[in-house]
PDB file of N, CA and C in Angstrom:
ATOM      1  N   UNK A   1      55.057   7.254  25.235  1.00  0.00           N
ATOM      2  CA  UNK A   1      55.646   7.475  23.921  1.00  0.00           C
ATOM      3  C   UNK A   1      56.438   6.255  23.621  1.00  0.00           C
ATOM      4  N   UNK A   2      56.737   5.374  24.829  1.00  0.00           N
ATOM      5  CA  UNK A   2      57.346   4.351  24.501  1.00  0.00           C
ATOM      6  C   UNK A   2      56.682   3.137  23.687  1.00  0.00           C
ATOM      7  N   UNK A   3      55.297   3.239  24.153  1.00  0.00           N
ATOM      8  CA  UNK A   3      54.536   2.341  23.518  1.00  0.00           C
ATOM      9  C   UNK A   3      54.274   2.515  22.419  1.00  0.00           C
ATOM     10  N   UNK A   4      54.399   3.590  21.555  1.00  0.00           N
ATOM     11  CA  UNK A   4      54.283   4.031  20.327  1.00  0.00           C
ATOM     12  C   UNK A   4      55.249   3.680  19.547  1.00  0.00           C
ATOM     13  N   UNK A   5      56.552   3.525  19.938  1.00  0.00           N
ATOM     14  CA  UNK A   5      57.656   3.101  19.248  1.00  0.00           C
ATOM     15  C   UNK A   5      57.622   1.512  19.352  1.00  0.00           C
ATOM     16  N   UNK A   6      57.481   1.062  20.408  1.00  0.00           N
ATOM     17  CA  UNK A   6      57.468  -0.489  20.548  1.00  0.00           C
ATOM     18  C   UNK A   6      55.923  -0.949  19.467  1.00  0.00           C
ATOM     19  N   UNK A   7      55.113  -0.348  19.314  1.00  0.00           N
ATOM     20  CA  UNK A   7      54.051  -0.927  18.340  1.00  0.00           C
ATOM     21  C   UNK A   7      54.711  -0.532  17.077  1.00  0.00           C
ATOM     22  N   UNK A   8      55.313   0.613  16.704  1.00  0.00           N
ATOM     23  CA  UNK A   8      55.931   0.745  15.518  1.00  0.00           C
ATOM     24  C   UNK A   8      57.095  -0.183  14.963  1.00  0.00           C
ATOM     25  N   UNK A   9      57.924  -0.688  16.010  1.00  0.00           N
ATOM     26  CA  UNK A   9      58.980  -1.553  15.544  1.00  0.00           C
ATOM     27  C   UNK A   9      58.140  -3.025  15.506  1.00  0.00           C
ATOM     28  N   UNK A  10      57.314  -3.305  16.305  1.00  0.00           N
ATOM     29  CA  UNK A  10      56.701  -4.430  16.291  1.00  0.00           C
ATOM     30  C   UNK A  10      56.174  -4.691  14.649  1.00  0.00           C
ATOM     31  N   UNK A  11      55.318  -3.643  14.285  1.00  0.00           N
ATOM     32  CA  UNK A  11      54.843  -3.505  13.022  1.00  0.00           C
ATOM     33  C   UNK A  11      55.772  -3.717  11.947  1.00  0.00           C
ATOM     34  N   UNK A  12      57.091  -3.030  12.112  1.00  0.00           N
ATOM     35  CA  UNK A  12      57.840  -3.216  11.138  1.00  0.00           C
ATOM     36  C   UNK A  12      58.618  -4.526  11.116  1.00  0.00           C
ATOM     37  N   UNK A  13      58.844  -5.233  12.249  1.00  0.00           N
ATOM     38  CA  UNK A  13      59.428  -6.621  12.108  1.00  0.00           C
ATOM     39  C   UNK A  13      58.435  -7.693  11.588  1.00  0.00           C
ATOM     40  N   UNK A  14      56.898  -7.278  12.108  1.00  0.00           N
ATOM     41  CA  UNK A  14      56.046  -8.289  11.463  1.00  0.00           C
ATOM     42  C   UNK A  14      55.935  -8.017   9.806  1.00  0.00           C
ATOM     43  N   UNK A  15      56.062  -6.819   9.455  1.00  0.00           N
ATOM     44  CA  UNK A  15      56.035  -6.660   7.911  1.00  0.00           C
ATOM     45  C   UNK A  15      57.367  -7.218   7.256  1.00  0.00           C
ATOM     46  N   UNK A  16      58.426  -7.233   7.869  1.00  0.00           N
ATOM     47  CA  UNK A  16      59.370  -7.577   7.263  1.00  0.00           C
ATOM     48  C   UNK A  16      59.365  -9.179   7.132  1.00  0.00           C
ATOM     49  N   UNK A  17      58.994  -9.840   8.144  1.00  0.00           N
ATOM     50  CA  UNK A  17      58.495 -11.365   8.249  1.00  0.00           C
ATOM     51  C   UNK A  17      57.606 -11.905   7.045  1.00  0.00           C
ATOM     52  N   UNK A  18      56.625 -11.022   7.321  1.00  0.00           N
ATOM     53  CA  UNK A  18      55.666 -11.349   6.498  1.00  0.00           C
ATOM     54  C   UNK A  18      56.206 -11.424   4.639  1.00  0.00           C
ATOM     55  N   UNK A  19      57.068 -10.045   4.357  1.00  0.00           N
ATOM     56  CA  UNK A  19      57.785 -10.093   3.172  1.00  0.00           C
ATOM     57  C   UNK A  19      58.628 -11.279   2.897  1.00  0.00           C
ATOM     58  N   UNK A  20      59.283 -11.324   3.830  1.00  0.00           N
ATOM     59  CA  UNK A  20      60.315 -12.822   3.549  1.00  0.00           C
ATOM     60  C   UNK A  20      59.486 -13.958   3.092  1.00  0.00           C
ATOM     61  N   UNK A  21      58.407 -14.088   4.168  1.00  0.00           N
ATOM     62  CA  UNK A  21      57.574 -15.472   3.914  1.00  0.00           C
ATOM     63  C   UNK A  21      57.201 -15.370   2.437  1.00  0.00           C
ATOM     64  N   UNK A  22      56.500 -14.152   2.073  1.00  0.00           N
ATOM     65  CA  UNK A  22      55.939 -14.066   0.662  1.00  0.00           C
ATOM     66  C   UNK A  22      56.925 -14.617  -0.345  1.00  0.00           C
ATOM     67  N   UNK A  23      57.853 -13.731  -0.115  1.00  0.00           N
ATOM     68  CA  UNK A  23      58.949 -13.854  -1.096  1.00  0.00           C
ATOM     69  C   UNK A  23      59.473 -15.285  -1.319  1.00  0.00           C
ATOM     70  N   UNK A  24      59.786 -16.038  -0.270  1.00  0.00           N
ATOM     71  CA  UNK A  24      60.283 -17.529  -0.283  1.00  0.00           C
ATOM     72  C   UNK A  24      59.143 -18.214  -1.024  1.00  0.00           C
ATOM     73  N   UNK A  25      57.997 -18.240  -0.486  1.00  0.00           N
ATOM     74  CA  UNK A  25      56.672 -18.860  -1.276  1.00  0.00           C
ATOM     75  C   UNK A  25      56.788 -18.600  -2.470  1.00  0.00           C
ATOM     76  N   UNK A  26      57.178 -17.155  -3.224  1.00  0.00           N
ATOM     77  CA  UNK A  26      57.239 -16.798  -4.646  1.00  0.00           C
ATOM     78  C   UNK A  26      58.320 -17.691  -5.227  1.00  0.00           C
ATOM     79  N   UNK A  27      59.573 -17.648  -4.584  1.00  0.00           N
ATOM     80  CA  UNK A  27      60.631 -18.239  -5.165  1.00  0.00           C
ATOM     81  C   UNK A  27      60.503 -19.726  -5.365  1.00  0.00           C
ATOM     82  N   UNK A  28      59.969 -20.267  -4.269  1.00  0.00           N
ATOM     83  CA  UNK A  28      59.948 -21.650  -4.149  1.00  0.00           C
ATOM     84  C   UNK A  28      58.842 -22.253  -5.406  1.00  0.00           C
ATOM     85  N   UNK A  29      57.817 -21.497  -5.543  1.00  0.00           N
ATOM     86  CA  UNK A  29      56.765 -21.968  -6.508  1.00  0.00           C
ATOM     87  C   UNK A  29      57.355 -21.839  -7.919  1.00  0.00           C
ATOM     88  N   UNK A  30      58.612 -21.097  -8.225  1.00  0.00           N
ATOM     89  CA  UNK A  30      59.071 -21.196  -9.546  1.00  0.00           C
ATOM     90  C   UNK A  30      60.008 -22.152  -9.745  1.00  0.00           C
ATOM     91  N   UNK A  31      60.411 -22.955  -8.707  1.00  0.00           N
ATOM     92  CA  UNK A  31      61.571 -23.955  -8.956  1.00  0.00           C
ATOM     93  C   UNK A  31      60.899 -25.238  -9.461  1.00  0.00           C
ATOM     94  N   UNK A  32      61.641 -25.864 -10.428  1.00  0.00           N
ATOM     95  CA  UNK A  32      60.591 -26.951 -11.020  1.00  0.00           C
ATOM     96  C   UNK A  32      60.655 -28.228 -10.299  1.00  0.00           C
ATOM     97  N   UNK A  33      59.767 -29.036 -10.320  1.00  0.00           N
ATOM     98  CA  UNK A  33      59.700 -29.980  -9.097  1.00  0.00           C
ATOM     99  C   UNK A  33      60.489 -31.222  -9.761  1.00  0.00           C
ATOM    100  N   UNK A  34      60.638 -31.392 -11.124  1.00  0.00           N
ATOM    101  CA  UNK A  34      61.388 -32.689 -11.709  1.00  0.00           C
ATOM    102  C   UNK A  34      62.132 -32.206 -12.843  1.00  0.00           C
ATOM    103  N   UNK A  35      63.146 -32.721 -13.235  1.00  0.00           N
ATOM    104  CA  UNK A  35      64.143 -32.657 -14.275  1.00  0.00           C
ATOM    105  C   UNK A  35      63.972 -33.618 -15.119  1.00  0.00           C
ATOM    106  N   UNK A  36      64.090 -33.757 -16.555  1.00  0.00           N
ATOM    107  CA  UNK A  36      64.013 -34.746 -17.366  1.00  0.00           C
ATOM    108  C   UNK A  36      65.519 -35.616 -17.060  1.00  0.00           C
ATOM    109  N   UNK A  37      64.998 -36.827 -17.055  1.00  0.00           N
ATOM    110  CA  UNK A  37      65.780 -37.774 -17.113  1.00  0.00           C
ATOM    111  C   UNK A  37      67.219 -37.768 -17.934  1.00  0.00           C
ATOM    112  N   UNK A  38      66.582 -38.295 -19.076  1.00  0.00           N
ATOM    113  CA  UNK A  38      67.647 -38.551 -20.051  1.00  0.00           C
ATOM    114  C   UNK A  38      67.688 -37.375 -21.154  1.00  0.00           C
ATOM    115  N   UNK A  39      68.811 -37.056 -21.769  1.00  0.00           N
ATOM    116  CA  UNK A  39      69.211 -35.885 -22.626  1.00  0.00           C
ATOM    117  C   UNK A  39      69.657 -36.688 -23.825  1.00  0.00           C
ATOM    118  N   UNK A  40      68.777 -37.474 -24.556  1.00  0.00           N
ATOM    119  CA  UNK A  40      69.212 -38.263 -25.957  1.00  0.00           C
ATOM    120  C   UNK A  40      69.083 -37.213 -26.778  1.00  0.00           C
ATOM    121  N   UNK A  41      69.795 -37.451 -27.906  1.00  0.00           N
ATOM    122  CA  UNK A  41      69.726 -36.670 -29.112  1.00  0.00           C
ATOM    123  C   UNK A  41      68.321 -36.929 -29.646  1.00  0.00           C
ATOM    124  N   UNK A  42      67.929 -35.977 -30.495  1.00  0.00           N
ATOM    125  CA  UNK A  42      66.636 -35.749 -30.984  1.00  0.00           C
ATOM    126  C   UNK A  42      66.795 -37.098 -32.440  1.00  0.00           C
ATOM    127  N   UNK A  43      65.887 -38.123 -32.324  1.00  0.00           N
ATOM    128  CA  UNK A  43      66.064 -39.177 -33.315  1.00  0.00           C
ATOM    129  C   UNK A  43      65.847 -38.500 -34.810  1.00  0.00           C
ATOM    130  N   UNK A  44      66.606 -38.986 -35.816  1.00  0.00           N
ATOM    131  CA  UNK A  44      66.620 -38.500 -37.089  1.00  0.00           C
ATOM    132  C   UNK A  44      65.442 -39.163 -37.824  1.00  0.00           C
ATOM    133  N   UNK A  45      64.205 -38.822 -37.754  1.00  0.00           N
ATOM    134  CA  UNK A  45      63.050 -39.251 -38.272  1.00  0.00           C
ATOM    135  C   UNK A  45      62.601 -38.199 -39.342  1.00  0.00           C
ATOM    136  N   UNK A  46      62.055 -38.379 -40.177  1.00  0.00           N
ATOM    137  CA  UNK A  46      61.287 -37.690 -41.330  1.00  0.00           C
ATOM    138  C   UNK A  46      60.909 -36.469 -40.869  1.00  0.00           C
ATOM    139  N   UNK A  47      59.782 -36.613 -39.941  1.00  0.00           N
ATOM    140  CA  UNK A  47      59.248 -35.421 -39.504  1.00  0.00           C
ATOM    141  C   UNK A  47      60.195 -34.312 -38.526  1.00  0.00           C
ATOM    142  N   UNK A  48      61.208 -35.160 -37.871  1.00  0.00           N
ATOM    143  CA  UNK A  48      62.278 -34.168 -36.987  1.00  0.00           C
ATOM    144  C   UNK A  48      63.179 -33.319 -38.346  1.00  0.00           C
ATOM    145  N   UNK A  49      63.467 -34.117 -39.168  1.00  0.00           N
ATOM    146  CA  UNK A  49      64.452 -33.559 -40.358  1.00  0.00           C
ATOM    147  C   UNK A  49      63.754 -32.550 -40.880  1.00  0.00           C
ATOM    148  N   UNK A  50      62.450 -32.512 -41.310  1.00  0.00           N
ATOM    149  CA  UNK A  50      61.588 -31.624 -41.754  1.00  0.00           C
ATOM    150  C   UNK A  50      61.362 -30.305 -41.088  1.00  0.00           C
ATOM    151  N   UNK A  51      61.209 -30.411 -39.522  1.00  0.00           N
ATOM    152  CA  UNK A  51      60.875 -29.519 -38.926  1.00  0.00           C
ATOM    153  C   UNK A  51      62.303 -28.584 -38.526  1.00  0.00           C
ATOM    154  N   UNK A  52      63.318 -29.098 -37.995  1.00  0.00           N
ATOM    155  CA  UNK A  52      64.423 -28.748 -37.511  1.00  0.00           C
ATOM    156  C   UNK A  52      65.589 -28.586 -38.554  1.00  0.00           C
ATOM    157  N   UNK A  53      65.378 -29.119 -39.962  1.00  0.00           N
ATOM    158  CA  UNK A  53      66.249 -28.633 -40.819  1.00  0.00           C
ATOM    159  C   UNK A  53      65.314 -28.057 -42.048  1.00  0.00           C
ATOM    160  N   UNK A  54      64.361 -28.486 -42.395  1.00  0.00           N
ATOM    161  CA  UNK A  54      63.731 -27.908 -43.718  1.00  0.00           C
ATOM    162  C   UNK A  54      63.043 -26.637 -43.486  1.00  0.00           C
ATOM    163  N   UNK A  55      62.392 -26.669 -42.219  1.00  0.00           N
ATOM    164  CA  UNK A  55      61.652 -25.448 -41.765  1.00  0.00           C
ATOM    165  C   UNK A  55      62.504 -24.002 -41.818  1.00  0.00           C
ATOM    166  N   UNK A  56      63.874 -24.200 -41.139  1.00  0.00           N
ATOM    167  CA  UNK A  56      64.302 -22.734 -41.307  1.00  0.00           C
ATOM    168  C   UNK A  56      65.267 -22.558 -42.682  1.00  0.00           C
ATOM    169  N   UNK A  57      65.492 -23.479 -43.137  1.00  0.00           N
ATOM    170  CA  UNK A  57      65.819 -23.498 -44.683  1.00  0.00           C
ATOM    171  C   UNK A  57      65.043 -22.768 -45.597  1.00  0.00           C
ATOM    172  N   UNK A  58      63.592 -23.389 -45.096  1.00  0.00           N
ATOM    173  CA  UNK A  58      62.215 -22.861 -46.081  1.00  0.00           C
ATOM    174  C   UNK A  58      62.122 -21.312 -45.771  1.00  0.00           C
ATOM    175  N   UNK A  59      62.167 -20.878 -44.489  1.00  0.00           N
ATOM    176  CA  UNK A  59      62.194 -19.861 -43.999  1.00  0.00           C
ATOM    177  C   UNK A  59      63.041 -18.407 -44.392  1.00  0.00           C
ATOM    178  N   UNK A  60      64.446 -19.058 -44.433  1.00  0.00           N
ATOM    179  CA  UNK A  60      65.818 -18.401 -44.922  1.00  0.00           C
ATOM    180  C   UNK A  60      65.529 -18.454 -46.530  1.00  0.00           C
ATOM    181  N   UNK A  61      65.079 -19.152 -47.130  1.00  0.00           N
ATOM    182  CA  UNK A  61      65.120 -19.246 -48.694  1.00  0.00           C
ATOM    183  C   UNK A  61      63.888 -18.116 -49.095  1.00  0.00           C
ATOM    184  N   UNK A  62      62.792 -18.295 -48.268  1.00  0.00           N
ATOM    185  CA  UNK A  62      61.313 -17.208 -48.572  1.00  0.00           C
ATOM    186  C   UNK A  62      62.032 -15.748 -48.037  1.00  0.00           C
ATOM    187  N   UNK A  63      62.757 -15.487 -47.228  1.00  0.00           N
ATOM    188  CA  UNK A  63      63.127 -14.250 -46.770  1.00  0.00           C
ATOM    189  C   UNK A  63      63.992 -13.868 -48.037  1.00  0.00           C
ATOM    190  N   UNK A  64      64.983 -14.576 -48.474  1.00  0.00           N
ATOM    191  CA  UNK A  64      65.916 -14.246 -49.312  1.00  0.00           C
ATOM    192  C   UNK A  64      65.115 -13.921 -50.725  1.00  0.00           C
ATOM    193  N   UNK A  65      64.287 -14.562 -50.921  1.00  0.00           N
ATOM    194  CA  UNK A  65      63.380 -14.373 -52.279  1.00  0.00           C
ATOM    195  C   UNK A  65      62.379 -13.085 -52.252  1.00  0.00           C
ATOM    196  N   UNK A  66      61.969 -12.775 -51.115  1.00  0.00           N
ATOM    197  CA  UNK A  66      61.083 -11.969 -50.989  1.00  0.00           C
ATOM    198  C   UNK A  66      61.767 -10.307 -50.827  1.00  0.00           C
ATOM    199  N   UNK A  67      63.342 -10.714 -50.268  1.00  0.00           N
ATOM    200  CA  UNK A  67      63.849  -9.500 -50.014  1.00  0.00           C
ATOM    201  C   UNK A  67      64.585  -8.952 -51.374  1.00  0.00           C
ATOM    202  N   UNK A  68      65.059 -10.106 -51.918  1.00  0.00           N
ATOM    203  CA  UNK A  68      65.230  -9.673 -53.479  1.00  0.00           C
ATOM    204  C   UNK A  68      64.563  -9.083 -54.546  1.00  0.00           C
ATOM    205  N   UNK A  69      63.097  -9.737 -54.021  1.00  0.00           N
ATOM    206  CA  UNK A  69      61.938  -9.091 -55.031  1.00  0.00           C
ATOM    207  C   UNK A  69      61.957  -7.427 -54.568  1.00  0.00           C
ATOM    208  N   UNK A  70      61.971  -7.178 -53.333  1.00  0.00           N
ATOM    209  CA  UNK A  70      61.634  -5.987 -52.860  1.00  0.00           C
ATOM    210  C   UNK A  70      62.895  -4.719 -53.298  1.00  0.00           C
ATOM    211  N   UNK A  71      64.010  -5.380 -53.314  1.00  0.00           N
ATOM    212  CA  UNK A  71      65.043  -4.582 -53.796  1.00  0.00           C
ATOM    213  C   UNK A  71      64.928  -4.507 -55.383  1.00  0.00           C
ATOM    214  N   UNK A  72      64.573  -5.171 -56.129  1.00  0.00           N
ATOM    215  CA  UNK A  72      64.327  -5.262 -57.511  1.00  0.00           C
ATOM    216  C   UNK A  72      63.469  -4.066 -57.718  1.00  0.00           C
ATOM    217  N   UNK A  73      62.343  -4.287 -56.906  1.00  0.00           N
ATOM    218  CA  UNK A  73      61.418  -3.290 -57.000  1.00  0.00           C
ATOM    219  C   UNK A  73      61.598  -1.824 -56.731  1.00  0.00           C
ATOM    220  N   UNK A  74      62.603  -1.607 -55.657  1.00  0.00           N
ATOM    221  CA  UNK A  74      62.999  -0.043 -55.134  1.00  0.00           C
ATOM    222  C   UNK A  74      63.946   0.243 -56.322  1.00  0.00           C
ATOM    223  N   UNK A  75      64.851  -0.418 -56.695  1.00  0.00           N
ATOM    224  CA  UNK A  75      65.775  -0.092 -57.934  1.00  0.00           C
ATOM    225  C   UNK A  75      64.642   0.293 -59.233  1.00  0.00           C
ATOM    226  N   UNK A  76      63.766  -0.472 -59.450  1.00  0.00           N
ATOM    227  CA  UNK A  76      62.922   0.017 -60.746  1.00  0.00           C
ATOM    228  C   UNK A  76      62.263   1.283 -60.522  1.00  0.00           C
ATOM    229  N   UNK A  77      61.823   1.634 -59.278  1.00  0.00           N
ATOM    230  CA  UNK A  77      61.109   2.956 -58.934  1.00  0.00           C
ATOM    231  C   UNK A  77      62.381   4.135 -58.997  1.00  0.00           C
ATOM    232  N   UNK A  78      63.249   3.856 -58.636  1.00  0.00           N
ATOM    233  CA  UNK A  78      64.506   4.685 -58.849  1.00  0.00           C
ATOM    234  C   UNK A  78      64.639   4.944 -59.958  1.00  0.00           C
ATOM    235  N   UNK A  79      64.920   3.999 -60.947  1.00  0.00           N
ATOM    236  CA  UNK A  79      64.992   4.123 -62.565  1.00  0.00           C
ATOM    237  C   UNK A  79      64.033   5.156 -62.964  1.00  0.00           C
ATOM    238  N   UNK A  80      62.759   4.832 -62.586  1.00  0.00           N
ATOM    239  CA  UNK A  80      61.558   5.416 -63.100  1.00  0.00           C
ATOM    240  C   UNK A  80      61.455   7.034 -62.670  1.00  0.00           C
ATOM    241  N   UNK A  81      61.968   7.204 -61.389  1.00  0.00           N
ATOM    242  CA  UNK A  81      61.699   8.520 -60.894  1.00  0.00           C
ATOM    243  C   UNK A  81      63.062   9.403 -61.523  1.00  0.00           C
ATOM    244  N   UNK A  82      64.325   8.504 -61.856  1.00  0.00           N
ATOM    245  CA  UNK A  82      65.331   9.272 -62.583  1.00  0.00           C
ATOM    246  C   UNK A  82      65.115   9.627 -63.954  1.00  0.00           C
ATOM    247  N   UNK A  83      64.223   9.122 -64.597  1.00  0.00           N
ATOM    248  CA  UNK A  83      63.946   9.259 -65.951  1.00  0.00           C
ATOM    249  C   UNK A  83      62.778  10.380 -66.359  1.00  0.00           C
ATOM    250  N   UNK A  84      61.983  10.432 -65.063  1.00  0.00           N
ATOM    251  CA  UNK A  84      61.088  11.375 -65.241  1.00  0.00           C
ATOM    252  C   UNK A  84      61.712  12.922 -65.442  1.00  0.00           C
TER     253      UNK A  84
END
């Protein structure tokens, strides 16, 4: 009986050790190997201005325009349903 208990304990210890090793490998694999050295601001070139300022502004204006257009369509449908 003691040998079964020892074997089970040995298996549990080996399983725990194997799990810790695998976990450490997975955690180490996710760490970056290098960090960027300089954190300078983005240079104000024409392309950067168009991407970082013009792009979001264009998306906002397009959303506002289409939202306003849909709202007008809904109001027109409500008017048409109310007059019938």
